[in-house]
Amino acid sequence: MKLRTQSLIVLAEAALLVTVLVPDAVGQGEASVKGKFTFTSSSESVSLAGGRTLQRAVSSGFFLTDDPNSPLDQNAATCIGATVMSASGEPGVGSGHCEAVDKDGDVWTLWWRNDANGGPWGMMNGTGKFEGMEGGGTWAIGPQWPDGRGINTWEATFTMR
């Protein structure tokens, strides 16, 4: 239960990060892309009233896109999020945010929501080539390992200004 919760939070964070900004070419209009977010995570549990648990997680990883020319390909990312677990250990809705940095030092951020097996995400802001990007998409939880490593899949549609 605890590992699954950690993985869900981390995967959610990672997936949303990756999904945020993936244009086919910087400076163009609407673009769509798919990819994976590979990550490692750590988490902590906080006991709540009624037997519920707050599961906090921090994950670090990389966005890998299906297009090696995408400005999101191989961006390093860190995500922070939380999910409230029921007394029976089932995850509720989780949420968080991520920031990613590309090889040129440009930064972009996103919000995400985890509805147990994935969910929506959306672009918040960015610098350099990511400034003015808008959009979002969906992500899904992929394989998870007991040591906190995992892979999320994602897809995104966004516009460049």
Protein backbone atom coordinates (compact mmCIF):
# COMPACT_ATOMS: atom_id res chain seq x y z
CA MET A 1 0.00 0.00 0.00
CA LYS A 2 2.67 2.49 1.01
CA LEU A 3 4.84 1.82 -2.06
CA ARG A 4 1.82 2.01 -4.36
CA THR A 5 0.86 5.36 -2.88
CA GLN A 6 4.38 6.73 -3.22
CA SER A 7 4.55 5.53 -6.79
CA LEU A 8 1.16 7.01 -7.63
CA ILE A 9 2.20 10.41 -6.37
CA VAL A 10 5.59 10.32 -8.01
CA LEU A 11 4.22 8.96 -11.24
CA ALA A 12 1.56 11.59 -11.28
CA GLU A 13 4.11 14.31 -10.77
CA ALA A 14 6.43 12.93 -13.36
CA ALA A 15 3.80 12.29 -15.93
CA LEU A 16 2.45 15.77 -15.73
CA LEU A 17 5.85 17.27 -16.05
CA VAL A 18 6.57 15.44 -19.20
CA THR A 19 3.24 16.19 -20.69
CA VAL A 20 3.47 19.91 -20.19
CA LEU A 21 5.55 21.16 -23.08
CA VAL A 22 6.38 19.05 -26.05
CA PRO A 23 6.20 20.94 -29.31
CA ASP A 24 7.42 19.44 -32.56
CA ALA A 25 9.44 22.59 -33.08
CA VAL A 26 9.94 25.67 -30.95
CA GLY A 27 8.16 28.74 -32.28
CA GLN A 28 5.38 26.92 -34.10
CA GLY A 29 1.66 26.79 -33.42
CA GLU A 30 -0.23 23.86 -31.91
CA ALA A 31 1.76 20.66 -31.41
CA SER A 32 1.04 17.21 -30.01
CA VAL A 33 3.54 14.77 -28.55
CA LYS A 34 3.76 11.62 -26.42
CA GLY A 35 6.45 10.39 -24.11
CA LYS A 36 7.58 8.86 -20.84
CA PHE A 37 8.71 10.27 -17.53
CA THR A 38 11.30 8.07 -15.82
CA PHE A 39 11.88 8.86 -12.14
CA THR A 40 12.89 7.91 -8.64
CA SER A 41 10.94 9.06 -5.62
CA SER A 42 10.88 9.23 -1.88
CA SER A 43 7.89 9.79 0.35
CA GLU A 44 6.67 10.24 3.87
CA SER A 45 3.37 9.40 5.57
CA VAL A 46 1.49 11.60 8.03
CA SER A 47 -1.34 10.11 10.11
CA LEU A 48 -4.65 11.96 9.88
CA ALA A 49 -7.95 11.73 11.76
CA GLY A 50 -10.20 8.80 10.99
CA GLY A 51 -7.33 6.48 10.06
CA ARG A 52 -6.53 8.40 6.88
CA THR A 53 -2.94 9.08 5.81
CA LEU A 54 -1.38 12.01 3.96
CA GLN A 55 1.24 10.64 1.58
CA ARG A 56 3.80 13.28 0.50
CA ALA A 57 6.26 12.52 -2.29
CA VAL A 58 9.20 14.11 -4.09
CA SER A 59 10.31 12.65 -7.40
CA SER A 60 13.20 13.41 -9.73
CA GLY A 61 13.62 12.18 -13.27
CA PHE A 62 13.72 12.86 -16.99
CA PHE A 63 11.17 13.48 -19.72
CA LEU A 64 11.76 11.38 -22.80
CA THR A 65 9.61 12.15 -25.84
CA ASP A 66 8.71 10.20 -28.97
CA ASP A 67 10.41 13.05 -30.89
CA PRO A 68 14.13 13.52 -30.11
CA ASN A 69 13.89 17.06 -31.57
CA SER A 70 11.23 18.13 -29.07
CA PRO A 71 12.31 20.87 -26.65
CA LEU A 72 10.98 18.63 -23.84
CA ASP A 73 13.12 15.65 -24.70
CA GLN A 74 15.61 14.78 -21.96
CA ASN A 75 14.51 17.60 -19.63
CA ALA A 76 15.40 17.04 -15.96
CA ALA A 77 12.43 17.46 -13.61
CA THR A 78 11.51 17.56 -9.93
CA CYS A 79 7.93 17.07 -8.72
CA ILE A 80 6.30 17.54 -5.34
CA GLY A 81 2.82 16.31 -4.46
CA ALA A 82 0.49 14.73 -1.96
CA THR A 83 -2.38 12.25 -1.85
CA VAL A 84 -4.78 11.53 1.02
CA MET A 85 -5.20 7.79 1.53
CA SER A 86 -8.42 6.39 3.00
CA ALA A 87 -8.40 4.35 6.21
CA SER A 88 -8.49 1.22 4.03
CA GLY A 89 -5.41 2.39 2.08
CA GLU A 90 -7.14 3.43 -1.14
CA PRO A 91 -5.76 6.61 -2.73
CA GLY A 92 -7.98 9.65 -3.10
CA VAL A 93 -7.34 12.53 -5.45
CA GLY A 94 -3.76 13.76 -5.34
CA SER A 95 -2.19 16.89 -6.74
CA GLY A 96 1.09 18.72 -7.04
CA HIS A 97 3.46 20.63 -9.27
CA CYS A 98 6.72 20.09 -11.15
CA GLU A 99 9.52 22.15 -12.59
CA ALA A 100 11.73 21.03 -15.45
CA VAL A 101 15.00 22.36 -16.83
CA ASP A 102 16.31 21.71 -20.34
CA LYS A 103 19.96 21.46 -21.40
CA ASP A 104 20.01 25.20 -22.21
CA GLY A 105 18.83 26.19 -18.72
CA ASP A 106 15.29 27.16 -19.75
CA VAL A 107 12.66 26.26 -17.14
CA TRP A 108 8.98 25.31 -17.32
CA THR A 109 6.44 24.38 -14.66
CA LEU A 110 3.14 22.51 -14.50
CA TRP A 111 0.36 21.40 -12.18
CA TRP A 112 -0.98 17.86 -12.09
CA ARG A 113 -3.83 15.87 -10.60
CA ASN A 114 -3.81 12.15 -9.82
CA ASP A 115 -7.14 10.35 -9.99
CA ALA A 116 -5.64 6.99 -8.80
CA ASN A 117 -4.22 5.81 -12.16
CA GLY A 118 -3.31 9.09 -13.83
CA GLY A 119 -5.15 12.25 -14.71
CA PRO A 120 -4.93 15.71 -16.23
CA TRP A 121 -2.10 18.23 -16.11
CA GLY A 122 -1.62 21.81 -17.30
CA MET A 123 1.16 24.22 -18.14
CA MET A 124 1.70 27.08 -15.67
CA ASN A 125 4.65 29.13 -16.98
CA GLY A 126 8.17 29.04 -18.39
CA THR A 127 11.30 30.93 -19.38
CA GLY A 128 13.22 31.25 -22.64
CA LYS A 129 11.86 28.91 -25.30
CA PHE A 130 9.06 27.84 -22.91
CA GLU A 131 7.77 31.38 -22.28
CA GLY A 132 4.15 31.75 -23.39
CA MET A 133 3.49 28.05 -23.92
CA GLU A 134 -0.06 26.95 -23.11
CA GLY A 135 -1.69 23.57 -23.01
CA GLY A 136 -1.84 20.31 -21.22
CA GLY A 137 -2.88 16.74 -21.55
CA THR A 138 -3.20 13.49 -19.69
CA TRP A 139 -0.83 11.03 -18.07
CA ALA A 140 -1.04 7.44 -16.85
CA ILE A 141 0.82 5.45 -14.24
CA GLY A 142 3.16 2.88 -15.75
CA PRO A 143 5.52 0.30 -14.25
CA GLN A 144 6.60 0.88 -10.64
CA TRP A 145 9.41 -0.75 -8.68
CA PRO A 146 9.42 -1.33 -4.90
CA ASP A 147 12.45 0.97 -4.46
CA GLY A 148 10.56 4.07 -5.70
CA ARG A 149 11.56 3.98 -9.37
CA GLY A 150 8.91 4.19 -12.06
CA ILE A 151 7.86 5.20 -15.54
CA ASN A 152 4.75 7.21 -16.43
CA THR A 153 3.36 7.71 -19.92
CA TRP A 154 1.85 10.98 -21.08
CA GLU A 155 0.49 12.91 -24.03
CA ALA A 156 0.13 16.62 -24.59
CA THR A 157 -1.24 19.24 -26.95
CA PHE A 158 0.04 22.77 -26.60
CA THR A 159 0.66 26.00 -28.44
CA MET A 160 3.77 28.11 -28.76
CA ARG A 161 3.61 31.88 -28.93
